[in-house]
């Protein structure tokens, strides 16, 4: 039984390695297609990589660039936003988002008009990579316990000043890192955001096909997603206007 389990694990590892290698090759091939200005083929290959479960900021970013070249501005911003979510420090993706907003959206419909406090908090927390921040917090917490154990087992090994300095520093870094990671997790689950990907989306007062359109929802605009009902999605615009759009008109980031 143990031998069979080991063989199964090794087989799965080999399969995973082969799949990862295929994804890497697809990524390089997609990059070549992009360089040759075959943007549709490149976008299809980037999408294939993501559909196979390889969520990666570089793939999302390159897909956004390919879609932008194809004139699919909403879809492009969606993938730039996903690239930023995977890599909060991604300057290029953030820069492209800002370019899209300035070029295609009027001032009142840009992301900066969402609640300023929440926006500042999001920007602050997004400056810290979630996975790395959590790992640093856990590592400092473990080191904190190691230092404490050394002090108990070998009292003379650490000078009191060194001991207390290390203890306080590790405690502060661990607490701050874990607090930031927790804040990121809570903020991510507290409210959903999406991007209008349809070119001619109208915001209606009710979730019904015969409801009159109150105003247009421009492509590439970032919105808050409130709820979904019968194929419709209720959204809040950056200028606080609210209404319903067909579910396919908006994609969650």
C-alpha atoms as a PDB file:
ATOM      1  CA  UNK A   1       0.000   0.000   0.000  1.00  0.00           C
ATOM      2  CA  UNK A   2       2.785   2.438   0.956  1.00  0.00           C
ATOM      3  CA  UNK A   3       4.676   1.626  -2.245  1.00  0.00           C
ATOM      4  CA  UNK A   4       1.558   2.272  -4.335  1.00  0.00           C
ATOM      5  CA  UNK A   5       0.979   5.586  -2.576  1.00  0.00           C
ATOM      6  CA  UNK A   6       4.579   6.679  -3.205  1.00  0.00           C
ATOM      7  CA  UNK A   7       4.304   5.715  -6.870  1.00  0.00           C
ATOM      8  CA  UNK A   8       1.034   7.623  -7.181  1.00  0.00           C
ATOM      9  CA  UNK A   9       2.578  10.741  -5.625  1.00  0.00           C
ATOM     10  CA  UNK A  10       5.602  10.534  -7.898  1.00  0.00           C
ATOM     11  CA  UNK A  11       3.347  10.071 -10.931  1.00  0.00           C
ATOM     12  CA  UNK A  12       1.272  13.110  -9.990  1.00  0.00           C
ATOM     13  CA  UNK A  13       4.429  15.158  -9.458  1.00  0.00           C
ATOM     14  CA  UNK A  14       5.726  14.126 -12.888  1.00  0.00           C
ATOM     15  CA  UNK A  15       2.417  15.018 -14.537  1.00  0.00           C
ATOM     16  CA  UNK A  16       2.357  18.396 -12.754  1.00  0.00           C
ATOM     17  CA  UNK A  17       5.917  19.094 -13.889  1.00  0.00           C
ATOM     18  CA  UNK A  18       5.004  18.258 -17.491  1.00  0.00           C
ATOM     19  CA  UNK A  19       1.917  20.468 -17.368  1.00  0.00           C
ATOM     20  CA  UNK A  20       3.963  23.346 -15.918  1.00  0.00           C
ATOM     21  CA  UNK A  21       6.562  22.895 -18.657  1.00  0.00           C
ATOM     22  CA  UNK A  22       3.808  22.997 -21.295  1.00  0.00           C
ATOM     23  CA  UNK A  23       2.446  26.210 -19.768  1.00  0.00           C
ATOM     24  CA  UNK A  24       5.915  27.762 -19.834  1.00  0.00           C
ATOM     25  CA  UNK A  25       6.311  26.838 -23.486  1.00  0.00           C
ATOM     26  CA  UNK A  26       2.864  28.253 -24.295  1.00  0.00           C
ATOM     27  CA  UNK A  27       3.829  31.485 -22.539  1.00  0.00           C
ATOM     28  CA  UNK A  28       7.001  31.828 -24.610  1.00  0.00           C
ATOM     29  CA  UNK A  29       5.087  31.009 -27.792  1.00  0.00           C
ATOM     30  CA  UNK A  30       2.437  33.612 -26.937  1.00  0.00           C
ATOM     31  CA  UNK A  31       5.168  36.186 -26.386  1.00  0.00           C
ATOM     32  CA  UNK A  32       6.579  35.409 -29.836  1.00  0.00           C
ATOM     33  CA  UNK A  33       3.131  35.799 -31.398  1.00  0.00           C
ATOM     34  CA  UNK A  34       2.695  39.133 -29.645  1.00  0.00           C
ATOM     35  CA  UNK A  35       6.082  40.323 -30.946  1.00  0.00           C
ATOM     36  CA  UNK A  36       4.916  39.352 -34.453  1.00  0.00           C
ATOM     37  CA  UNK A  37       1.737  41.433 -33.900  1.00  0.00           C
ATOM     38  CA  UNK A  38      -0.473  38.345 -34.018  1.00  0.00           C
ATOM     39  CA  UNK A  39      -2.460  39.680 -31.091  1.00  0.00           C
ATOM     40  CA  UNK A  40      -5.522  37.446 -31.431  1.00  0.00           C
ATOM     41  CA  UNK A  41      -3.451  34.265 -31.455  1.00  0.00           C
ATOM     42  CA  UNK A  42      -1.334  35.536 -28.565  1.00  0.00           C
ATOM     43  CA  UNK A  43      -4.437  36.405 -26.521  1.00  0.00           C
ATOM     44  CA  UNK A  44      -5.910  32.955 -27.139  1.00  0.00           C
ATOM     45  CA  UNK A  45      -2.718  31.285 -25.941  1.00  0.00           C
ATOM     46  CA  UNK A  46      -2.462  33.470 -22.819  1.00  0.00           C
ATOM     47  CA  UNK A  47      -6.122  32.678 -22.069  1.00  0.00           C
ATOM     48  CA  UNK A  48      -5.424  28.972 -22.480  1.00  0.00           C
ATOM     49  CA  UNK A  49      -2.682  29.163 -19.845  1.00  0.00           C
ATOM     50  CA  UNK A  50      -5.038  30.863 -17.379  1.00  0.00           C
ATOM     51  CA  UNK A  51      -7.859  28.415 -18.103  1.00  0.00           C
ATOM     52  CA  UNK A  52      -5.495  25.568 -17.242  1.00  0.00           C
ATOM     53  CA  UNK A  53      -5.130  26.992 -13.743  1.00  0.00           C
ATOM     54  CA  UNK A  54      -1.839  28.873 -13.988  1.00  0.00           C
ATOM     55  CA  UNK A  55      -2.827  32.179 -12.383  1.00  0.00           C
ATOM     56  CA  UNK A  56       0.168  34.417 -12.933  1.00  0.00           C
ATOM     57  CA  UNK A  57       0.528  38.209 -12.974  1.00  0.00           C
ATOM     58  CA  UNK A  58       2.829  38.157 -16.020  1.00  0.00           C
ATOM     59  CA  UNK A  59       0.310  36.130 -18.042  1.00  0.00           C
ATOM     60  CA  UNK A  60      -2.560  38.409 -16.955  1.00  0.00           C
ATOM     61  CA  UNK A  61      -0.523  41.507 -17.834  1.00  0.00           C
ATOM     62  CA  UNK A  62       0.515  40.216 -21.262  1.00  0.00           C
ATOM     63  CA  UNK A  63      -3.056  39.136 -21.999  1.00  0.00           C
ATOM     64  CA  UNK A  64      -4.207  42.642 -21.118  1.00  0.00           C
ATOM     65  CA  UNK A  65      -1.697  44.109 -23.566  1.00  0.00           C
ATOM     66  CA  UNK A  66      -2.815  41.781 -26.351  1.00  0.00           C
ATOM     67  CA  UNK A  67      -6.496  42.592 -25.774  1.00  0.00           C
ATOM     68  CA  UNK A  68      -5.716  46.310 -25.705  1.00  0.00           C
ATOM     69  CA  UNK A  69      -4.085  46.011 -29.136  1.00  0.00           C
ATOM     70  CA  UNK A  70      -7.285  44.300 -30.324  1.00  0.00           C
ATOM     71  CA  UNK A  71      -9.380  47.244 -29.143  1.00  0.00           C
ATOM     72  CA  UNK A  72     -11.000  45.247 -26.317  1.00  0.00           C
ATOM     73  CA  UNK A  73     -10.416  47.961 -23.728  1.00  0.00           C
ATOM     74  CA  UNK A  74     -12.711  46.614 -21.012  1.00  0.00           C
ATOM     75  CA  UNK A  75     -11.272  43.109 -21.199  1.00  0.00           C
ATOM     76  CA  UNK A  76      -7.764  44.577 -21.218  1.00  0.00           C
ATOM     77  CA  UNK A  77      -8.373  46.545 -18.028  1.00  0.00           C
ATOM     78  CA  UNK A  78      -9.919  43.482 -16.386  1.00  0.00           C
ATOM     79  CA  UNK A  79      -6.703  41.540 -16.857  1.00  0.00           C
ATOM     80  CA  UNK A  80      -4.508  44.459 -15.815  1.00  0.00           C
ATOM     81  CA  UNK A  81      -6.553  44.616 -12.600  1.00  0.00           C
ATOM     82  CA  UNK A  82      -6.121  40.884 -12.068  1.00  0.00           C
ATOM     83  CA  UNK A  83      -2.379  41.284 -12.630  1.00  0.00           C
ATOM     84  CA  UNK A  84      -2.293  43.931  -9.904  1.00  0.00           C
ATOM     85  CA  UNK A  85      -4.264  41.687  -7.566  1.00  0.00           C
ATOM     86  CA  UNK A  86      -1.713  38.904  -8.060  1.00  0.00           C
ATOM     87  CA  UNK A  87       1.226  41.305  -7.855  1.00  0.00           C
ATOM     88  CA  UNK A  88       0.279  44.473  -5.942  1.00  0.00           C
ATOM     89  CA  UNK A  89       3.672  45.965  -6.700  1.00  0.00           C
ATOM     90  CA  UNK A  90       3.192  45.665 -10.465  1.00  0.00           C
ATOM     91  CA  UNK A  91       3.944  49.203 -11.649  1.00  0.00           C
ATOM     92  CA  UNK A  92       3.398  48.516 -15.367  1.00  0.00           C
ATOM     93  CA  UNK A  93      -0.115  47.121 -14.868  1.00  0.00           C
ATOM     94  CA  UNK A  94      -1.076  50.060 -12.632  1.00  0.00           C
ATOM     95  CA  UNK A  95       0.304  52.485 -15.203  1.00  0.00           C
ATOM     96  CA  UNK A  96      -1.778  50.893 -17.977  1.00  0.00           C
ATOM     97  CA  UNK A  97      -4.902  51.122 -15.826  1.00  0.00           C
ATOM     98  CA  UNK A  98      -4.286  54.827 -15.300  1.00  0.00           C
ATOM     99  CA  UNK A  99      -3.746  55.347 -19.028  1.00  0.00           C
ATOM    100  CA  UNK A 100      -7.042  53.604 -19.825  1.00  0.00           C
ATOM    101  CA  UNK A 101      -8.929  55.691 -17.268  1.00  0.00           C
ATOM    102  CA  UNK A 102      -7.526  58.981 -18.546  1.00  0.00           C
ATOM    103  CA  UNK A 103      -8.078  58.074 -22.176  1.00  0.00           C
ATOM    104  CA  UNK A 104     -11.533  56.485 -22.043  1.00  0.00           C
ATOM    105  CA  UNK A 105     -13.340  57.659 -18.890  1.00  0.00           C
ATOM    106  CA  UNK A 106     -14.391  61.104 -17.805  1.00  0.00           C
ATOM    107  CA  UNK A 107     -13.237  62.362 -14.431  1.00  0.00           C
ATOM    108  CA  UNK A 108     -16.383  61.500 -12.457  1.00  0.00           C
ATOM    109  CA  UNK A 109     -16.273  57.857 -13.561  1.00  0.00           C
ATOM    110  CA  UNK A 110     -12.680  57.089 -12.618  1.00  0.00           C
ATOM    111  CA  UNK A 111     -11.685  54.813  -9.759  1.00  0.00           C
ATOM    112  CA  UNK A 112     -10.401  57.732  -7.691  1.00  0.00           C
ATOM    113  CA  UNK A 113     -14.003  58.770  -7.000  1.00  0.00           C
ATOM    114  CA  UNK A 114     -14.766  55.727  -4.881  1.00  0.00           C
ATOM    115  CA  UNK A 115     -14.811  56.364  -1.125  1.00  0.00           C
ATOM    116  CA  UNK A 116     -11.472  58.018  -0.423  1.00  0.00           C
ATOM    117  CA  UNK A 117     -10.854  56.262   2.919  1.00  0.00           C
ATOM    118  CA  UNK A 118     -11.365  52.800   1.473  1.00  0.00           C
ATOM    119  CA  UNK A 119      -9.279  53.676  -1.576  1.00  0.00           C
ATOM    120  CA  UNK A 120      -6.380  54.833   0.597  1.00  0.00           C
ATOM    121  CA  UNK A 121      -6.591  51.684   2.709  1.00  0.00           C
ATOM    122  CA  UNK A 122      -6.683  49.487  -0.386  1.00  0.00           C
ATOM    123  CA  UNK A 123      -3.707  51.266  -1.938  1.00  0.00           C
ATOM    124  CA  UNK A 124      -1.755  51.040   1.310  1.00  0.00           C
ATOM    125  CA  UNK A 125      -2.443  47.351   1.849  1.00  0.00           C
ATOM    126  CA  UNK A 126      -1.872  46.488  -1.801  1.00  0.00           C
ATOM    127  CA  UNK A 127       1.690  47.803  -1.513  1.00  0.00           C
ATOM    128  CA  UNK A 128       2.499  44.638   0.456  1.00  0.00           C
ATOM    129  CA  UNK A 129       2.445  41.293  -1.450  1.00  0.00           C
ATOM    130  CA  UNK A 130      -0.136  39.208   0.413  1.00  0.00           C
ATOM    131  CA  UNK A 131       1.676  35.856   0.336  1.00  0.00           C
ATOM    132  CA  UNK A 132       5.058  37.321   1.232  1.00  0.00           C
ATOM    133  CA  UNK A 133       3.609  39.476   4.022  1.00  0.00           C
ATOM    134  CA  UNK A 134       1.931  36.476   5.628  1.00  0.00           C
ATOM    135  CA  UNK A 135       5.105  34.381   5.261  1.00  0.00           C
ATOM    136  CA  UNK A 136       7.188  37.102   6.928  1.00  0.00           C
ATOM    137  CA  UNK A 137       4.693  37.295   9.792  1.00  0.00           C
ATOM    138  CA  UNK A 138       4.764  33.538  10.344  1.00  0.00           C
ATOM    139  CA  UNK A 139       8.572  33.418  10.107  1.00  0.00           C
ATOM    140  CA  UNK A 140       8.968  36.221  12.662  1.00  0.00           C
ATOM    141  CA  UNK A 141       6.483  34.518  14.973  1.00  0.00           C
ATOM    142  CA  UNK A 142       8.482  31.267  14.794  1.00  0.00           C
ATOM    143  CA  UNK A 143      11.756  33.104  15.366  1.00  0.00           C
ATOM    144  CA  UNK A 144      10.160  34.836  18.320  1.00  0.00           C
ATOM    145  CA  UNK A 145       9.490  31.445  19.885  1.00  0.00           C
ATOM    146  CA  UNK A 146      13.033  30.281  19.104  1.00  0.00           C
ATOM    147  CA  UNK A 147      14.551  33.321  20.825  1.00  0.00           C
ATOM    148  CA  UNK A 148      12.267  32.840  23.813  1.00  0.00           C
ATOM    149  CA  UNK A 149      13.194  29.136  24.037  1.00  0.00           C
ATOM    150  CA  UNK A 150      16.912  29.915  23.831  1.00  0.00           C
ATOM    151  CA  UNK A 151      16.544  32.360  26.683  1.00  0.00           C
ATOM    152  CA  UNK A 152      14.852  29.725  28.825  1.00  0.00           C
ATOM    153  CA  UNK A 153      17.271  26.902  27.994  1.00  0.00           C
ATOM    154  CA  UNK A 154      20.497  28.914  27.876  1.00  0.00           C
ATOM    155  CA  UNK A 155      20.038  32.059  29.998  1.00  0.00           C
ATOM    156  CA  UNK A 156      23.657  33.134  29.556  1.00  0.00           C
ATOM    157  CA  UNK A 157      23.723  32.667  25.787  1.00  0.00           C
ATOM    158  CA  UNK A 158      22.031  35.971  24.998  1.00  0.00           C
ATOM    159  CA  UNK A 159      22.833  39.308  26.544  1.00  0.00           C
ATOM    160  CA  UNK A 160      19.660  40.812  28.065  1.00  0.00           C
ATOM    161  CA  UNK A 161      19.834  43.851  25.761  1.00  0.00           C
ATOM    162  CA  UNK A 162      20.164  41.618  22.684  1.00  0.00           C
ATOM    163  CA  UNK A 163      17.393  39.349  23.908  1.00  0.00           C
ATOM    164  CA  UNK A 164      14.883  42.146  24.532  1.00  0.00           C
ATOM    165  CA  UNK A 165      15.785  43.997  21.323  1.00  0.00           C
ATOM    166  CA  UNK A 166      15.299  40.846  19.238  1.00  0.00           C
ATOM    167  CA  UNK A 167      12.123  39.925  21.091  1.00  0.00           C
ATOM    168  CA  UNK A 168      10.505  43.344  20.622  1.00  0.00           C
ATOM    169  CA  UNK A 169      11.605  43.684  16.990  1.00  0.00           C
ATOM    170  CA  UNK A 170      10.334  40.242  16.025  1.00  0.00           C
ATOM    171  CA  UNK A 171       7.072  40.786  17.907  1.00  0.00           C
ATOM    172  CA  UNK A 172       6.439  44.108  16.152  1.00  0.00           C
ATOM    173  CA  UNK A 173       7.236  42.771  12.681  1.00  0.00           C
ATOM    174  CA  UNK A 174       5.178  39.605  13.246  1.00  0.00           C
ATOM    175  CA  UNK A 175       2.167  41.549  14.542  1.00  0.00           C
ATOM    176  CA  UNK A 176       2.343  44.142  11.745  1.00  0.00           C
ATOM    177  CA  UNK A 177       2.789  41.543   8.985  1.00  0.00           C
ATOM    178  CA  UNK A 178      -0.040  39.319  10.202  1.00  0.00           C
ATOM    179  CA  UNK A 179      -2.298  42.367  10.707  1.00  0.00           C
ATOM    180  CA  UNK A 180      -1.636  43.547   7.144  1.00  0.00           C
ATOM    181  CA  UNK A 181      -2.242  40.052   5.735  1.00  0.00           C
ATOM    182  CA  UNK A 182      -5.495  39.785   7.722  1.00  0.00           C
ATOM    183  CA  UNK A 183      -6.574  43.224   6.562  1.00  0.00           C
ATOM    184  CA  UNK A 184      -5.928  42.281   2.954  1.00  0.00           C
ATOM    185  CA  UNK A 185      -8.002  39.142   3.337  1.00  0.00           C
ATOM    186  CA  UNK A 186     -10.900  40.945   5.014  1.00  0.00           C
ATOM    187  CA  UNK A 187     -10.867  43.794   2.505  1.00  0.00           C
ATOM    188  CA  UNK A 188     -10.802  41.397  -0.436  1.00  0.00           C
ATOM    189  CA  UNK A 189     -13.863  39.567   0.862  1.00  0.00           C
ATOM    190  CA  UNK A 190     -15.755  42.651   2.035  1.00  0.00           C
ATOM    191  CA  UNK A 191     -16.684  44.009  -1.364  1.00  0.00           C
ATOM    192  CA  UNK A 192     -16.410  42.792  -4.933  1.00  0.00           C
ATOM    193  CA  UNK A 193     -15.262  44.959  -7.798  1.00  0.00           C
ATOM    194  CA  UNK A 194     -15.725  44.405 -11.483  1.00  0.00           C
ATOM    195  CA  UNK A 195     -14.990  45.928 -14.873  1.00  0.00           C
ATOM    196  CA  UNK A 196     -17.544  46.823 -17.526  1.00  0.00           C
ATOM    197  CA  UNK A 197     -16.450  44.750 -20.526  1.00  0.00           C
ATOM    198  CA  UNK A 198     -19.427  45.377 -22.829  1.00  0.00           C
ATOM    199  CA  UNK A 199     -19.154  48.243 -25.299  1.00  0.00           C
ATOM    200  CA  UNK A 200     -22.764  49.333 -25.071  1.00  0.00           C
ATOM    201  CA  UNK A 201     -23.951  48.550 -21.550  1.00  0.00           C
ATOM    202  CA  UNK A 202     -26.914  50.433 -20.188  1.00  0.00           C
ATOM    203  CA  UNK A 203     -27.687  50.743 -16.483  1.00  0.00           C
ATOM    204  CA  UNK A 204     -31.350  49.996 -15.741  1.00  0.00           C
ATOM    205  CA  UNK A 205     -33.403  50.780 -12.641  1.00  0.00           C
ATOM    206  CA  UNK A 206     -34.609  47.176 -12.306  1.00  0.00           C
ATOM    207  CA  UNK A 207     -33.243  43.702 -13.164  1.00  0.00           C
ATOM    208  CA  UNK A 208     -35.556  43.212 -16.126  1.00  0.00           C
ATOM    209  CA  UNK A 209     -35.119  43.225 -19.903  1.00  0.00           C
ATOM    210  CA  UNK A 210     -38.006  45.666 -20.366  1.00  0.00           C
ATOM    211  CA  UNK A 211     -36.703  48.134 -17.754  1.00  0.00           C
ATOM    212  CA  UNK A 212     -35.677  51.430 -19.348  1.00  0.00           C
ATOM    213  CA  UNK A 213     -31.978  52.272 -19.395  1.00  0.00           C
ATOM    214  CA  UNK A 214     -31.215  55.150 -17.023  1.00  0.00           C
ATOM    215  CA  UNK A 215     -27.715  55.948 -18.272  1.00  0.00           C
ATOM    216  CA  UNK A 216     -24.819  54.243 -20.089  1.00  0.00           C
ATOM    217  CA  UNK A 217     -22.031  52.322 -18.376  1.00  0.00           C
ATOM    218  CA  UNK A 218     -18.869  53.022 -20.374  1.00  0.00           C
ATOM    219  CA  UNK A 219     -16.527  50.190 -21.242  1.00  0.00           C
ATOM    220  CA  UNK A 220     -13.496  49.746 -18.935  1.00  0.00           C
ATOM    221  CA  UNK A 221     -15.141  51.474 -15.967  1.00  0.00           C
ATOM    222  CA  UNK A 222     -14.479  49.921 -12.556  1.00  0.00           C
ATOM    223  CA  UNK A 223     -17.623  49.330 -10.488  1.00  0.00           C
ATOM    224  CA  UNK A 224     -18.640  47.883  -7.167  1.00  0.00           C
ATOM    225  CA  UNK A 225     -20.705  44.711  -7.469  1.00  0.00           C
ATOM    226  CA  UNK A 226     -23.579  44.590  -4.993  1.00  0.00           C
ATOM    227  CA  UNK A 227     -25.513  41.439  -5.919  1.00  0.00           C
ATOM    228  CA  UNK A 228     -26.752  39.257  -8.777  1.00  0.00           C
ATOM    229  CA  UNK A 229     -30.306  38.349  -9.637  1.00  0.00           C
ATOM    230  CA  UNK A 230     -31.850  36.474 -12.575  1.00  0.00           C
ATOM    231  CA  UNK A 231     -29.013  37.155 -14.997  1.00  0.00           C
ATOM    232  CA  UNK A 232     -28.551  40.748 -13.873  1.00  0.00           C
ATOM    233  CA  UNK A 233     -25.903  42.396 -11.732  1.00  0.00           C
ATOM    234  CA  UNK A 234     -26.462  45.389  -9.486  1.00  0.00           C
ATOM    235  CA  UNK A 235     -23.526  47.811  -9.629  1.00  0.00           C
ATOM    236  CA  UNK A 236     -22.424  51.061  -8.034  1.00  0.00           C
ATOM    237  CA  UNK A 237     -20.502  53.497 -10.210  1.00  0.00           C
ATOM    238  CA  UNK A 238     -17.599  55.661  -8.974  1.00  0.00           C
ATOM    239  CA  UNK A 239     -19.965  58.678  -8.914  1.00  0.00           C
ATOM    240  CA  UNK A 240     -22.303  56.704  -6.567  1.00  0.00           C
ATOM    241  CA  UNK A 241     -24.970  56.149  -9.230  1.00  0.00           C
ATOM    242  CA  UNK A 242     -26.554  52.711  -8.878  1.00  0.00           C
ATOM    243  CA  UNK A 243     -28.459  50.312 -11.107  1.00  0.00           C
ATOM    244  CA  UNK A 244     -28.557  46.997 -12.939  1.00  0.00           C
ATOM    245  CA  UNK A 245     -26.677  45.699 -15.982  1.00  0.00           C
ATOM    246  CA  UNK A 246     -26.882  42.384 -17.795  1.00  0.00           C
ATOM    247  CA  UNK A 247     -24.572  39.904 -16.065  1.00  0.00           C
ATOM    248  CA  UNK A 248     -22.381  39.496 -19.140  1.00  0.00           C
ATOM    249  CA  UNK A 249     -21.659  43.217 -19.258  1.00  0.00           C
ATOM    250  CA  UNK A 250     -19.477  43.150 -16.163  1.00  0.00           C
ATOM    251  CA  UNK A 251     -16.704  40.771 -15.077  1.00  0.00           C
ATOM    252  CA  UNK A 252     -15.533  40.376 -11.489  1.00  0.00           C
ATOM    253  CA  UNK A 253     -11.864  41.177 -10.969  1.00  0.00           C
END
